[in-house]
Amino acid sequence: MSALSKVNVFEKGQKILSILMIVTGFLLFSISLAGFWAAFKESKNLLYTYGAIIAGLAIYKIVLAFFLIAIISKNPEIFRDKIMTSMKKYPLYKVNDENKIIIDDLQWQLSCCGWLKGPKDWNDSNDWKNKFRGYADRLPRSCCFNPKVERKKVCTMKAKSHFKTGCAIKIERIIFKIFTFTCSFLTVFSMIQLAAACFACMLGAAIV
């Protein structure tokens, strides 16, 4: 399976993210319940333990957020290169090839065409030119139509409905937004947890 198939995880990614959110919520609820029980029992040791656990989790999330930022900042084109490599082989794939189907789905679902320069990428591709000699303005059907529905229509550069943005650019933007949201969420939530840890320790110190 090509590198592109590894990138085609948006639908599965949503399910995985939902499961992770549920598991994380359950763990946080359990930890919060333990903190409530420690405060209710006015147990100094339990409050200190709760504060230490919360502080440890907060520090871990902050480190994780900075780690993710470092990865993206040092490798901004890691996803772009994989997508470009796979999409350039599109003209060589057979009609029912899994990789071709993935690329068509990618272009249609993300409303993109080509990899970097948009539709011009296909016009500049030697493999694409060799496949459609005499049709210089021809584009993959998925650049204009749903490839699973409109199987007889032809997409060209002259069509006003063809997508203009390259897929590598679009995916890069989506991934950047996801990482930005994730890092922001981890940082803000970690600060809240650190505050909770401080209050737990203060409450523990106030218990005689």
Protein backbone atom coordinates (compact mmCIF):
# COMPACT_ATOMS: atom_id res chain seq x y z
CA MET A 1 0.00 0.00 0.00
CA SER A 2 1.38 3.41 -0.94
CA ALA A 3 2.31 6.26 1.35
CA LEU A 4 -0.87 8.04 0.30
CA SER A 5 -3.03 5.30 1.77
CA LYS A 6 -1.43 6.04 5.11
CA VAL A 7 -2.49 9.65 4.80
CA ASN A 8 -6.06 8.70 3.92
CA VAL A 9 -7.12 8.36 7.56
CA PHE A 10 -9.50 11.28 8.02
CA GLU A 11 -12.66 9.21 8.48
CA LYS A 12 -10.96 6.61 10.67
CA GLY A 13 -9.13 9.38 12.49
CA GLN A 14 -12.41 10.94 13.59
CA LYS A 15 -13.51 7.63 15.14
CA ILE A 16 -10.16 7.14 16.86
CA LEU A 17 -10.25 10.71 18.18
CA SER A 18 -13.76 10.15 19.55
CA ILE A 19 -12.63 6.99 21.37
CA LEU A 20 -9.58 8.77 22.78
CA MET A 21 -11.76 11.64 24.00
CA ILE A 22 -14.12 9.19 25.75
CA VAL A 23 -11.23 7.31 27.40
CA THR A 24 -9.55 10.57 28.42
CA GLY A 25 -12.82 11.89 29.84
CA PHE A 26 -13.31 8.72 31.87
CA LEU A 27 -9.78 8.91 33.29
CA LEU A 28 -10.20 12.58 34.18
CA PHE A 29 -13.53 11.83 35.83
CA SER A 30 -11.92 9.05 37.88
CA ILE A 31 -9.06 11.32 38.98
CA SER A 32 -11.48 14.14 39.83
CA LEU A 33 -13.60 11.73 41.83
CA ALA A 34 -10.51 10.66 43.75
CA GLY A 35 -9.75 14.33 44.50
CA PHE A 36 -13.31 14.92 45.68
CA TRP A 37 -13.09 11.87 47.95
CA ALA A 38 -9.78 13.10 49.40
CA ALA A 39 -11.29 16.54 50.13
CA PHE A 40 -14.46 15.00 51.56
CA LYS A 41 -12.46 12.78 53.92
CA GLU A 42 -10.10 15.68 54.68
CA SER A 43 -7.13 13.38 54.14
CA LYS A 44 -3.88 15.28 53.87
CA ASN A 45 -1.99 12.36 52.30
CA LEU A 46 -4.69 11.72 49.69
CA LEU A 47 -4.83 15.41 48.75
CA TYR A 48 -1.05 15.58 48.35
CA THR A 49 -1.13 12.40 46.26
CA TYR A 50 -3.94 13.80 44.12
CA GLY A 51 -2.04 17.07 43.64
CA ALA A 52 1.14 15.22 42.65
CA ILE A 53 -0.72 13.07 40.08
CA ILE A 54 -2.48 16.08 38.56
CA ALA A 55 0.76 18.08 38.41
CA GLY A 56 2.56 15.15 36.78
CA LEU A 57 -0.14 14.80 34.12
CA ALA A 58 -0.08 18.54 33.46
CA ILE A 59 3.69 18.61 32.99
CA TYR A 60 3.47 15.56 30.71
CA LYS A 61 0.90 17.30 28.49
CA ILE A 62 2.95 20.48 28.28
CA VAL A 63 6.03 18.48 27.25
CA LEU A 64 3.93 16.57 24.70
CA ALA A 65 2.59 19.82 23.23
CA PHE A 66 6.10 21.25 22.77
CA PHE A 67 7.27 17.92 21.34
CA LEU A 68 4.53 18.01 18.69
CA ILE A 69 5.37 21.61 17.83
CA ALA A 70 9.05 20.68 17.45
CA ILE A 71 8.23 17.80 15.09
CA ILE A 72 6.04 19.92 12.82
CA SER A 73 8.43 22.90 12.79
CA LYS A 74 11.42 20.72 11.85
CA ASN A 75 9.54 18.63 9.26
CA PRO A 76 6.97 20.96 7.67
CA GLU A 77 7.01 19.11 4.34
CA ILE A 78 6.97 15.52 5.60
CA PHE A 79 3.35 14.93 4.58
CA ARG A 80 3.64 16.95 1.38
CA ASP A 81 6.51 14.83 0.06
CA LYS A 82 4.67 11.54 0.68
CA ILE A 83 1.53 12.76 -1.06
CA MET A 84 3.45 14.13 -4.04
CA THR A 85 5.36 10.87 -4.49
CA SER A 86 2.16 8.81 -4.55
CA MET A 87 0.11 11.15 -6.74
CA LYS A 88 2.79 11.37 -9.42
CA LYS A 89 2.29 7.63 -10.02
CA TYR A 90 -1.44 8.09 -10.67
CA PRO A 91 -1.19 7.77 -14.50
CA LEU A 92 0.55 4.40 -14.09
CA TYR A 93 -2.21 2.83 -11.98
CA LYS A 94 -4.89 0.61 -13.51
CA VAL A 95 -8.57 1.59 -13.35
CA ASN A 96 -9.39 -0.57 -10.33
CA ASP A 97 -6.09 -0.08 -8.54
CA GLU A 98 -6.54 0.72 -4.86
CA ASN A 99 -4.04 3.58 -5.01
CA LYS A 100 -5.88 5.22 -7.91
CA ILE A 101 -9.20 4.95 -6.05
CA ILE A 102 -7.62 6.54 -2.97
CA ILE A 103 -6.25 9.47 -4.99
CA ASP A 104 -9.61 10.01 -6.70
CA ASP A 105 -11.40 9.97 -3.34
CA LEU A 106 -8.82 12.36 -1.93
CA GLN A 107 -9.22 14.89 -4.75
CA TRP A 108 -13.01 14.77 -4.65
CA GLN A 109 -13.46 14.83 -0.86
CA LEU A 110 -10.95 17.64 -0.29
CA SER A 111 -11.92 19.57 -3.46
CA CYS A 112 -8.34 19.59 -4.69
CA CYS A 113 -6.55 18.74 -7.93
CA GLY A 114 -2.92 17.80 -8.44
CA TRP A 115 -0.41 17.92 -5.62
CA LEU A 116 1.40 21.27 -5.44
CA LYS A 117 0.52 23.65 -8.29
CA GLY A 118 -3.05 22.46 -8.73
CA PRO A 119 -4.33 21.23 -12.14
CA LYS A 120 -1.08 22.37 -13.77
CA ASP A 121 0.68 19.44 -12.07
CA TRP A 122 -1.20 17.03 -14.34
CA ASN A 123 -0.37 19.06 -17.45
CA ASP A 124 3.31 19.03 -16.51
CA SER A 125 3.38 15.29 -15.78
CA ASN A 126 5.12 13.32 -18.54
CA ASP A 127 3.33 10.11 -17.55
CA TRP A 128 -0.02 11.91 -17.76
CA LYS A 129 0.86 13.41 -21.16
CA ASN A 130 1.85 10.00 -22.51
CA LYS A 131 -1.43 8.50 -21.32
CA PHE A 132 -3.59 11.19 -22.96
CA ARG A 133 -1.71 12.23 -26.08
CA GLY A 134 -3.66 14.78 -28.05
CA TYR A 135 -5.63 15.86 -24.97
CA ALA A 136 -3.30 18.41 -23.41
CA ASP A 137 -5.97 19.94 -21.16
CA ARG A 138 -7.31 16.63 -19.81
CA LEU A 139 -7.58 16.21 -16.01
CA PRO A 140 -8.54 13.29 -13.77
CA ARG A 141 -12.31 13.01 -13.48
CA SER A 142 -12.08 13.48 -9.70
CA CYS A 143 -10.82 17.05 -10.27
CA CYS A 144 -14.36 17.99 -11.36
CA PHE A 145 -16.81 15.23 -10.48
CA ASN A 146 -17.50 12.48 -7.99
CA PRO A 147 -15.57 9.58 -9.60
CA LYS A 148 -17.97 7.01 -8.14
CA VAL A 149 -21.05 8.66 -9.64
CA GLU A 150 -20.02 10.54 -12.80
CA ARG A 151 -18.02 7.85 -14.60
CA LYS A 152 -18.65 9.00 -18.16
CA LYS A 153 -18.01 12.73 -17.85
CA VAL A 154 -14.68 14.28 -18.81
CA CYS A 155 -12.81 16.88 -16.77
CA THR A 156 -10.56 19.41 -18.51
CA MET A 157 -8.66 22.60 -17.76
CA LYS A 158 -11.39 24.53 -19.58
CA ALA A 159 -14.06 23.33 -17.15
CA LYS A 160 -14.97 26.08 -14.68
CA SER A 161 -15.85 23.51 -12.05
CA HIS A 162 -12.41 21.94 -11.72
CA PHE A 163 -10.66 22.34 -8.38
CA LYS A 164 -7.81 24.85 -8.21
CA THR A 165 -5.76 23.94 -5.11
CA GLY A 166 -3.20 21.13 -4.90
CA CYS A 167 -4.01 18.26 -2.53
CA ALA A 168 -0.66 18.39 -0.72
CA ILE A 169 -1.32 22.02 0.18
CA LYS A 170 -4.83 21.27 1.45
CA ILE A 171 -3.76 18.29 3.54
CA GLU A 172 -0.86 20.28 4.96
CA ARG A 173 -3.29 23.00 6.07
CA ILE A 174 -5.66 20.47 7.65
CA ILE A 175 -2.84 18.75 9.55
CA PHE A 176 -1.47 22.12 10.70
CA LYS A 177 -4.91 23.11 12.05
CA ILE A 178 -5.26 19.78 13.86
CA PHE A 179 -1.83 20.09 15.47
CA THR A 180 -2.46 23.73 16.41
CA PHE A 181 -5.77 22.85 18.06
CA THR A 182 -4.26 19.84 19.84
CA CYS A 183 -1.28 21.77 21.19
CA SER A 184 -3.48 24.68 22.31
CA PHE A 185 -5.90 22.31 24.04
CA LEU A 186 -3.07 20.45 25.80
CA THR A 187 -1.46 23.68 27.00
CA VAL A 188 -4.67 25.30 28.31
CA PHE A 189 -5.88 22.12 29.97
CA SER A 190 -2.46 21.60 31.56
CA MET A 191 -2.58 25.07 33.11
CA ILE A 192 -6.00 24.28 34.59
CA GLN A 193 -4.64 21.02 36.01
CA LEU A 194 -1.65 22.80 37.53
CA ALA A 195 -4.02 25.23 39.22
CA ALA A 196 -6.07 22.29 40.54
CA ALA A 197 -2.89 20.65 41.86
CA CYS A 198 -1.94 23.87 43.69
CA PHE A 199 -5.38 24.15 45.28
CA ALA A 200 -5.22 20.49 46.36
CA CYS A 201 -1.85 21.05 48.04
CA MET A 202 -3.09 24.25 49.70
CA LEU A 203 -6.15 22.42 51.00
CA GLY A 204 -3.96 19.59 52.26
CA ALA A 205 -1.68 22.06 54.06
CA ALA A 206 -4.70 23.68 55.73
CA ILE A 207 -5.83 20.38 57.25
CA VAL A 208 -4.56 19.96 60.80
